[in-house]
């Protein structure tokens, strides 16, 4: 993640280029007691540096930025470039805000009309009303936030490839563990597989915020199923298992690999699993094709379009009611990052899919008896080339046949 605390002149130039690219008069970054975490990240303000008074930082499309800070915390934005206005009373706050906007017509903030996208809606309605009172139209900074929160460096792309290779190997190790246990005439519990994977991550210099999903039979039909010791199920011969595993290299600026694969604990996969998997795989591939076509044609792509292309395949197959989550999410230093998601279900994601960002495509069909999801990761490089990582699963893995 880039922020203004490092190379402020270069970073300011990049921010103003982005503001101009999206056609705004300026970007108004505001926070009160850490409520706008996105602004804090962009401005390079750590959790320990969060103050107790309101501040504003206005970056015009051209010219010098302006800071508006309280007298008690007058040094709060001293690491940033620009002129400083200090206020004490609320009247001085209003006067300072009006002055810093300088008649700007269209100002970006962490705002989403009608809260359509809660991931970027971090500025309260009253503050938006105040800015509007001074003549500015408030528009969403969603794409600006992406530019400085979700875009990867070359080093992060390499870290993702490293995590991807290890994560794919972790699936092989997990399937092999299950196969070895079943061939010995024993069963194995979901949490045992979880513990094995977490140990694998630790041994290979990886980290994650939560153990993986290991779901057998009906448990795989719950998209957010999470087994727990003493409240999990056994895996036996003839069972169906879903593994959803996410981890990153345990280094500064490491970014995630987030993958889902499914397997049958036998030699030959029953037709009922094959039929549903083929629909899910076709939907996944339609989402990939949507992204590839858009960037090959040089046209803008919004997140909702990938979801719609993916979801349409499942709806056309008659399983639309069983696909109960968005198609994918942005991926970064957090598994669910702050860039554009692939969503036309929970939100209509109108943010652009930008170069140097990564996202998942993970359609699923969740039935009472079992659920199938297939998840890969997609990275758009600087040259708008679409890279798919994670290894595209083409069939349900017959675990006892292959391992």
Protein backbone atom coordinates (compact mmCIF):
# COMPACT_ATOMS: atom_id res chain seq x y z
CA UNK A 1 0.00 0.00 0.00
CA UNK A 2 1.25 3.47 -0.88
CA UNK A 3 0.62 6.45 1.36
CA UNK A 4 1.65 10.06 1.80
CA UNK A 5 4.00 9.35 4.65
CA UNK A 6 6.50 8.07 2.08
CA UNK A 7 7.85 10.31 -0.72
CA UNK A 8 5.11 12.96 -0.23
CA UNK A 9 5.94 14.98 -3.35
CA UNK A 10 5.82 11.93 -5.61
CA UNK A 11 2.71 10.62 -3.92
CA UNK A 12 0.90 13.96 -4.17
CA UNK A 13 1.64 14.09 -7.88
CA UNK A 14 0.22 10.57 -8.28
CA UNK A 15 -2.91 11.50 -6.35
CA UNK A 16 -3.54 14.63 -8.40
CA UNK A 17 -3.05 12.67 -11.62
CA UNK A 18 -5.70 10.21 -10.40
CA UNK A 19 -8.08 13.02 -9.40
CA UNK A 20 -7.72 14.50 -12.88
CA UNK A 21 -8.13 11.07 -14.49
CA UNK A 22 -11.54 10.64 -12.85
CA UNK A 23 -12.60 14.23 -13.60
CA UNK A 24 -12.94 15.58 -10.03
CA UNK A 25 -12.07 19.06 -8.79
CA UNK A 26 -10.51 17.58 -5.69
CA UNK A 27 -10.46 14.87 -3.03
CA UNK A 28 -11.58 15.79 0.48
CA UNK A 29 -10.28 13.34 3.09
CA UNK A 30 -11.98 13.59 6.48
CA UNK A 31 -11.82 11.71 9.76
CA UNK A 32 -13.13 11.86 13.30
CA UNK A 33 -11.67 9.44 15.87
CA UNK A 34 -10.75 6.77 13.34
CA UNK A 35 -14.17 6.38 11.72
CA UNK A 36 -12.73 6.75 8.20
CA UNK A 37 -10.12 4.01 8.12
CA UNK A 38 -9.72 4.40 4.36
CA UNK A 39 -8.65 8.05 4.69
CA UNK A 40 -6.27 7.14 7.50
CA UNK A 41 -4.59 4.50 5.35
CA UNK A 42 -4.25 6.77 2.36
CA UNK A 43 -2.78 9.54 4.53
CA UNK A 44 -0.42 7.23 6.38
CA UNK A 45 -1.92 7.73 9.84
CA UNK A 46 -1.48 4.72 12.10
CA UNK A 47 -3.94 3.58 14.75
CA UNK A 48 -1.70 4.97 17.51
CA UNK A 49 -1.74 8.41 15.82
CA UNK A 50 -5.52 8.79 15.62
CA UNK A 51 -6.65 11.97 17.35
CA UNK A 52 -9.83 13.07 19.06
CA UNK A 53 -10.74 16.06 16.87
CA UNK A 54 -12.01 16.39 13.32
CA UNK A 55 -9.58 17.02 10.48
CA UNK A 56 -9.95 17.65 6.75
CA UNK A 57 -7.28 17.33 4.05
CA UNK A 58 -8.18 18.70 0.64
CA UNK A 59 -6.19 17.72 -2.44
CA UNK A 60 -7.21 19.83 -5.43
CA UNK A 61 -6.81 18.52 -8.95
CA UNK A 62 -4.15 21.19 -9.37
CA UNK A 63 -2.31 23.33 -6.85
CA UNK A 64 -1.33 22.89 -3.23
CA UNK A 65 -3.28 20.80 -0.70
CA UNK A 66 -4.88 22.40 2.35
CA UNK A 67 -5.10 21.01 5.91
CA UNK A 68 -7.81 21.88 8.41
CA UNK A 69 -6.91 20.83 11.97
CA UNK A 70 -7.99 21.64 15.52
CA UNK A 71 -5.85 23.89 17.70
CA UNK A 72 -5.41 21.14 20.30
CA UNK A 73 -4.11 18.76 17.59
CA UNK A 74 -2.54 21.29 15.25
CA UNK A 75 0.32 18.94 14.26
CA UNK A 76 -1.95 16.05 13.28
CA UNK A 77 -1.24 16.39 9.54
CA UNK A 78 2.26 17.85 9.67
CA UNK A 79 3.67 14.88 7.74
CA UNK A 80 1.58 15.96 4.74
CA UNK A 81 2.26 18.71 2.22
CA UNK A 82 0.14 21.84 2.07
CA UNK A 83 -1.03 25.00 3.80
CA UNK A 84 -2.48 24.64 7.31
CA UNK A 85 -5.69 26.18 8.62
CA UNK A 86 -6.21 25.88 12.37
CA UNK A 87 -9.69 26.07 13.90
CA UNK A 88 -10.99 26.12 17.45
CA UNK A 89 -14.73 26.85 17.32
CA UNK A 90 -17.29 25.18 15.13
CA UNK A 91 -17.77 28.47 13.32
CA UNK A 92 -14.06 28.52 12.47
CA UNK A 93 -14.34 24.91 11.28
CA UNK A 94 -17.11 25.88 8.87
CA UNK A 95 -15.23 28.96 7.65
CA UNK A 96 -12.07 26.93 7.15
CA UNK A 97 -13.86 24.19 5.25
CA UNK A 98 -15.53 26.70 2.95
CA UNK A 99 -12.21 28.42 2.31
CA UNK A 100 -10.30 25.21 1.60
CA UNK A 101 -12.91 24.03 -0.93
CA UNK A 102 -12.44 27.31 -2.78
CA UNK A 103 -15.56 27.00 -4.91
CA UNK A 104 -14.84 23.45 -6.09
CA UNK A 105 -17.80 22.00 -7.95
CA UNK A 106 -17.24 18.25 -7.68
CA UNK A 107 -15.44 16.82 -4.65
CA UNK A 108 -14.72 13.15 -3.97
CA UNK A 109 -15.21 11.72 -0.47
CA UNK A 110 -15.54 8.26 1.07
CA UNK A 111 -19.24 8.31 0.29
CA UNK A 112 -21.66 6.02 -1.55
CA UNK A 113 -25.03 7.33 -2.77
CA UNK A 114 -27.78 5.69 -0.68
CA UNK A 115 -25.02 3.62 0.95
CA UNK A 116 -25.11 1.35 -2.10
CA UNK A 117 -21.54 0.27 -1.39
CA UNK A 118 -20.88 0.09 2.37
CA UNK A 119 -17.22 -0.81 1.83
CA UNK A 120 -16.44 2.77 0.87
CA UNK A 121 -19.20 4.64 2.73
CA UNK A 122 -17.18 6.00 5.68
CA UNK A 123 -18.24 9.66 5.87
CA UNK A 124 -21.38 10.43 7.88
CA UNK A 125 -24.42 12.05 6.26
CA UNK A 126 -24.08 15.25 8.29
CA UNK A 127 -20.56 15.91 7.05
CA UNK A 128 -21.69 15.34 3.47
CA UNK A 129 -24.52 17.84 4.05
CA UNK A 130 -22.03 20.38 5.37
CA UNK A 131 -19.78 20.08 2.32
CA UNK A 132 -22.80 20.43 0.03
CA UNK A 133 -23.83 23.60 1.87
CA UNK A 134 -20.64 25.20 0.59
CA UNK A 135 -21.60 24.50 -3.02
CA UNK A 136 -19.73 21.28 -3.75
CA UNK A 137 -21.29 18.17 -5.23
CA UNK A 138 -20.05 15.18 -3.23
CA UNK A 139 -19.19 12.13 -5.34
CA UNK A 140 -17.74 8.76 -4.44
CA UNK A 141 -13.98 8.39 -4.05
CA UNK A 142 -14.26 4.63 -4.58
CA UNK A 143 -11.97 4.51 -7.59
CA UNK A 144 -9.50 6.92 -6.01
CA UNK A 145 -9.35 4.73 -2.90
CA UNK A 146 -8.59 1.75 -5.11
CA UNK A 147 -5.74 3.59 -6.75
CA UNK A 148 -3.92 3.99 -3.44
CA UNK A 149 -5.31 1.12 -1.35
CA UNK A 150 -5.80 -1.83 -3.69
CA UNK A 151 -3.16 -1.57 -6.41
CA UNK A 152 -0.22 -3.93 -6.00
CA UNK A 153 3.45 -3.22 -6.43
CA UNK A 154 5.63 -5.55 -8.52
CA UNK A 155 6.95 -7.00 -5.26
CA UNK A 156 3.42 -7.81 -4.09
CA UNK A 157 2.64 -9.59 -7.35
CA UNK A 158 5.74 -11.75 -6.79
CA UNK A 159 4.67 -12.38 -3.19
CA UNK A 160 1.25 -13.47 -4.44
CA UNK A 161 2.82 -15.93 -6.89
CA UNK A 162 4.91 -17.34 -4.06
CA UNK A 163 1.86 -17.67 -1.80
CA UNK A 164 -0.15 -19.18 -4.66
CA UNK A 165 2.43 -21.90 -5.29
CA UNK A 166 2.54 -22.84 -1.62
CA UNK A 167 -1.23 -22.65 -1.19
CA UNK A 168 -1.85 -24.98 -4.15
CA UNK A 169 0.68 -27.39 -2.67
CA UNK A 170 -1.21 -27.20 0.64
CA UNK A 171 -4.29 -28.59 -1.11
CA UNK A 172 -2.27 -31.56 -2.33
CA UNK A 173 -0.93 -32.15 1.17
CA UNK A 174 -4.42 -31.93 2.68
CA UNK A 175 -5.92 -34.37 0.16
CA UNK A 176 -2.99 -36.73 0.74
CA UNK A 177 -3.47 -36.57 4.51
CA UNK A 178 -7.15 -37.48 4.16
CA UNK A 179 -6.41 -40.29 1.66
CA UNK A 180 -3.73 -41.83 3.86
CA UNK A 181 -6.02 -41.81 6.87
CA UNK A 182 -8.96 -43.34 4.97
CA UNK A 183 -6.81 -46.04 3.38
CA UNK A 184 -5.68 -47.09 6.84
CA UNK A 185 -9.31 -47.84 7.65
CA UNK A 186 -9.77 -44.78 9.85
CA UNK A 187 -11.66 -41.50 9.53
CA UNK A 188 -10.38 -37.98 10.03
CA UNK A 189 -12.12 -34.97 11.49
CA UNK A 190 -12.56 -31.60 9.76
CA UNK A 191 -10.58 -29.82 12.48
CA UNK A 192 -7.67 -32.24 12.07
CA UNK A 193 -7.39 -31.13 8.46
CA UNK A 194 -7.65 -27.50 9.59
CA UNK A 195 -4.85 -27.95 12.11
CA UNK A 196 -2.69 -29.69 9.51
CA UNK A 197 -3.08 -26.82 7.05
CA UNK A 198 -2.34 -24.18 9.69
CA UNK A 199 0.82 -26.05 10.64
CA UNK A 200 1.77 -26.24 6.96
CA UNK A 201 1.37 -22.48 6.62
CA UNK A 202 3.54 -21.84 9.69
CA UNK A 203 6.28 -24.16 8.43
CA UNK A 204 6.36 -22.43 5.05
CA UNK A 205 6.53 -18.84 6.28
CA UNK A 206 2.87 -18.05 5.65
CA UNK A 207 0.20 -16.44 7.79
CA UNK A 208 -3.58 -16.10 7.79
CA UNK A 209 -6.20 -14.46 9.97
CA UNK A 210 -8.43 -17.56 10.30
CA UNK A 211 -8.19 -21.33 9.78
CA UNK A 212 -9.46 -22.65 6.44
CA UNK A 213 -12.94 -23.94 5.73
CA UNK A 214 -13.10 -27.74 5.72
CA UNK A 215 -16.65 -28.84 5.02
CA UNK A 216 -17.84 -32.41 4.54
CA UNK A 217 -21.15 -33.30 2.85
CA UNK A 218 -23.94 -30.98 4.10
CA UNK A 219 -21.40 -28.73 5.79
CA UNK A 220 -20.04 -27.81 2.37
CA UNK A 221 -23.48 -26.38 1.57
CA UNK A 222 -22.90 -23.54 4.07
CA UNK A 223 -20.67 -20.92 2.36
CA UNK A 224 -19.28 -19.68 5.69
CA UNK A 225 -19.19 -22.95 7.57
CA UNK A 226 -16.40 -22.99 10.13
CA UNK A 227 -15.65 -26.23 11.98
CA UNK A 228 -14.56 -26.00 15.59
CA UNK A 229 -12.99 -28.56 17.90
CA UNK A 230 -15.80 -30.51 19.51
CA UNK A 231 -18.31 -29.23 16.96
CA UNK A 232 -17.07 -30.69 13.70
CA UNK A 233 -17.71 -33.77 11.57
CA UNK A 234 -15.82 -36.87 10.51
CA UNK A 235 -14.64 -37.40 6.95
CA UNK A 236 -15.13 -40.96 5.73
CA UNK A 237 -14.83 -42.95 2.52
CA UNK A 238 -17.58 -41.88 0.10
CA UNK A 239 -17.85 -38.36 1.48
CA UNK A 240 -17.71 -35.06 -0.41
CA UNK A 241 -15.35 -32.36 0.93
CA UNK A 242 -14.90 -28.64 0.19
CA UNK A 243 -11.64 -26.89 1.11
CA UNK A 244 -11.43 -23.08 1.12
CA UNK A 245 -7.89 -22.01 2.04
CA UNK A 246 -6.35 -18.53 2.19
CA UNK A 247 -2.90 -17.36 3.29
CA UNK A 248 -0.13 -14.91 2.46
CA UNK A 249 3.62 -14.76 2.95
CA UNK A 250 4.38 -13.58 6.47
CA UNK A 251 6.26 -10.46 5.39
CA UNK A 252 5.49 -6.77 5.19
CA UNK A 253 3.06 -6.06 2.35
CA UNK A 254 2.32 -9.76 1.78
CA UNK A 255 -0.89 -10.35 -0.20
CA UNK A 256 -3.25 -13.31 -0.13
CA UNK A 257 -3.83 -16.38 -2.21
CA UNK A 258 -7.48 -17.41 -1.65
CA UNK A 259 -8.62 -20.65 -3.28
CA UNK A 260 -11.45 -23.18 -3.05
CA UNK A 261 -11.38 -26.74 -4.39
CA UNK A 262 -13.63 -29.77 -3.93
CA UNK A 263 -12.97 -33.50 -3.72
CA UNK A 264 -14.74 -36.85 -3.44
CA UNK A 265 -13.33 -39.37 -0.98
CA UNK A 266 -13.38 -42.30 -3.37
CA UNK A 267 -12.04 -43.67 -6.64
CA UNK A 268 -14.83 -42.47 -8.96
CA UNK A 269 -16.86 -39.28 -8.58
CA UNK A 270 -20.66 -39.81 -8.58
CA UNK A 271 -22.64 -38.11 -11.33
CA UNK A 272 -24.57 -35.81 -8.97
CA UNK A 273 -21.33 -34.07 -8.00
CA UNK A 274 -20.05 -33.93 -11.57
CA UNK A 275 -23.24 -32.30 -12.85
CA UNK A 276 -23.23 -29.46 -10.35
CA UNK A 277 -19.47 -28.96 -10.56
CA UNK A 278 -19.61 -28.57 -14.34
CA UNK A 279 -22.16 -25.75 -13.98
CA UNK A 280 -20.06 -23.98 -11.34
CA UNK A 281 -16.90 -24.37 -13.43
CA UNK A 282 -18.65 -22.97 -16.50
CA UNK A 283 -19.81 -19.98 -14.46
CA UNK A 284 -16.29 -19.41 -13.13
CA UNK A 285 -14.88 -19.54 -16.66
CA UNK A 286 -17.53 -17.08 -17.89
CA UNK A 287 -16.36 -14.61 -15.25
CA UNK A 288 -12.75 -15.03 -16.34
CA UNK A 289 -13.75 -14.56 -19.99
CA UNK A 290 -15.69 -11.40 -19.09
CA UNK A 291 -12.55 -9.85 -17.60
CA UNK A 292 -10.29 -11.01 -20.42
CA UNK A 293 -12.57 -9.70 -23.13
CA UNK A 294 -12.98 -6.28 -21.52
CA UNK A 295 -9.27 -5.68 -21.13
CA UNK A 296 -8.45 -7.14 -24.55
CA UNK A 297 -10.93 -4.66 -26.05
CA UNK A 298 -9.53 -1.80 -24.02
CA UNK A 299 -12.88 -0.91 -22.41
CA UNK A 300 -13.71 -0.10 -18.82
CA UNK A 301 -14.96 -2.97 -16.66
CA UNK A 302 -17.08 -2.56 -13.54
CA UNK A 303 -17.21 -5.22 -10.84
CA UNK A 304 -20.92 -5.94 -11.28
CA UNK A 305 -20.33 -7.05 -14.88
CA UNK A 306 -18.14 -9.98 -13.82
CA UNK A 307 -20.75 -11.07 -11.28
CA UNK A 308 -23.53 -10.84 -13.87
CA UNK A 309 -21.62 -12.89 -16.46
CA UNK A 310 -20.87 -15.55 -13.86
CA UNK A 311 -24.29 -15.62 -12.22
CA UNK A 312 -26.10 -15.82 -15.56
CA UNK A 313 -24.63 -19.27 -16.24
CA UNK A 314 -25.92 -20.64 -12.95
CA UNK A 315 -29.32 -18.99 -13.39
CA UNK A 316 -29.66 -20.38 -16.91
CA UNK A 317 -28.93 -23.86 -15.54
CA UNK A 318 -31.82 -23.50 -13.07
CA UNK A 319 -29.72 -23.12 -9.91
CA UNK A 320 -29.90 -19.35 -9.43
CA UNK A 321 -31.57 -19.55 -6.02
CA UNK A 322 -28.67 -21.67 -4.74
CA UNK A 323 -25.94 -19.14 -5.58
CA UNK A 324 -26.28 -17.00 -2.46
CA UNK A 325 -23.23 -14.74 -2.39
CA UNK A 326 -21.37 -12.35 -4.68
CA UNK A 327 -19.04 -13.81 -7.30
CA UNK A 328 -15.83 -12.44 -5.85
CA UNK A 329 -13.97 -9.95 -3.71
CA UNK A 330 -10.91 -7.77 -3.97
CA UNK A 331 -7.71 -9.32 -2.62
CA UNK A 332 -4.83 -7.49 -0.96
CA UNK A 333 -2.97 -7.48 2.32
CA UNK A 334 -6.37 -8.44 3.71
CA UNK A 335 -8.23 -11.38 2.20
CA UNK A 336 -11.18 -9.14 1.48
CA UNK A 337 -9.49 -5.97 0.30
CA UNK A 338 -10.77 -2.47 -0.37
CA UNK A 339 -10.83 -2.55 -4.16
CA UNK A 340 -13.70 -3.42 -6.46
CA UNK A 341 -15.64 -6.58 -5.66
CA UNK A 342 -17.36 -8.75 -8.25
CA UNK A 343 -20.89 -8.10 -7.07
CA UNK A 344 -24.29 -7.53 -8.64
CA UNK A 345 -26.16 -9.29 -5.81
CA UNK A 346 -25.51 -7.65 -2.45
CA UNK A 347 -24.43 -4.37 -4.04
CA UNK A 348 -24.21 -3.09 -7.60
CA UNK A 349 -20.46 -2.68 -7.65
CA UNK A 350 -19.85 0.17 -10.06
CA UNK A 351 -16.20 0.71 -9.20
CA UNK A 352 -13.80 -0.03 -12.02
CA UNK A 353 -11.63 -3.12 -12.14
CA UNK A 354 -8.26 -1.36 -12.26
CA UNK A 355 -4.87 -2.52 -13.49
CA UNK A 356 -2.58 -3.84 -10.74
CA UNK A 357 -5.51 -5.10 -8.66
CA UNK A 358 -6.46 -8.67 -7.79
CA UNK A 359 -9.81 -10.29 -7.12
CA UNK A 360 -11.40 -13.71 -6.67
CA UNK A 361 -13.94 -15.40 -8.89
CA UNK A 362 -15.73 -18.02 -6.80
CA UNK A 363 -19.23 -19.02 -7.88
CA UNK A 364 -21.02 -21.69 -5.88
CA UNK A 365 -24.15 -23.80 -5.77
CA UNK A 366 -25.24 -24.70 -2.23
CA UNK A 367 -27.69 -27.57 -1.85
CA UNK A 368 -28.95 -29.23 1.31
CA UNK A 369 -26.87 -32.37 0.77
CA UNK A 370 -23.67 -30.68 -0.46
CA UNK A 371 -22.28 -27.43 -1.85
CA UNK A 372 -19.77 -26.80 -4.62
CA UNK A 373 -17.61 -23.71 -5.02
CA UNK A 374 -14.65 -23.18 -7.35
CA UNK A 375 -12.38 -20.25 -6.55
CA UNK A 376 -9.44 -18.80 -8.42
CA UNK A 377 -7.68 -15.43 -8.27
CA UNK A 378 -7.38 -12.90 -11.09
CA UNK A 379 -4.67 -10.23 -11.32
CA UNK A 380 -4.66 -7.43 -13.90
CA UNK A 381 -1.12 -6.26 -14.59
CA UNK A 382 0.12 -2.82 -15.61
CA UNK A 383 -0.27 -3.70 -19.30
CA UNK A 384 -3.90 -4.82 -18.73
CA UNK A 385 -2.99 -8.50 -19.15
CA UNK A 386 -5.28 -10.82 -17.17
CA UNK A 387 -3.48 -13.46 -15.06
CA UNK A 388 -5.36 -16.36 -13.45
CA UNK A 389 -3.71 -18.00 -10.44
CA UNK A 390 -4.68 -20.90 -8.23
CA UNK A 391 -4.87 -23.63 -10.86
CA UNK A 392 -8.22 -24.01 -12.61
CA UNK A 393 -9.96 -27.12 -11.27
CA UNK A 394 -11.58 -28.95 -14.19
CA UNK A 395 -13.33 -31.74 -12.26
CA UNK A 396 -14.13 -32.87 -8.75
CA UNK A 397 -10.94 -34.43 -7.42
CA UNK A 398 -11.27 -38.23 -6.92
CA UNK A 399 -9.06 -38.17 -3.84
CA UNK A 400 -8.58 -41.91 -3.32
CA UNK A 401 -7.77 -42.36 -7.00
CA UNK A 402 -5.19 -39.56 -7.27
CA UNK A 403 -3.62 -39.62 -3.81
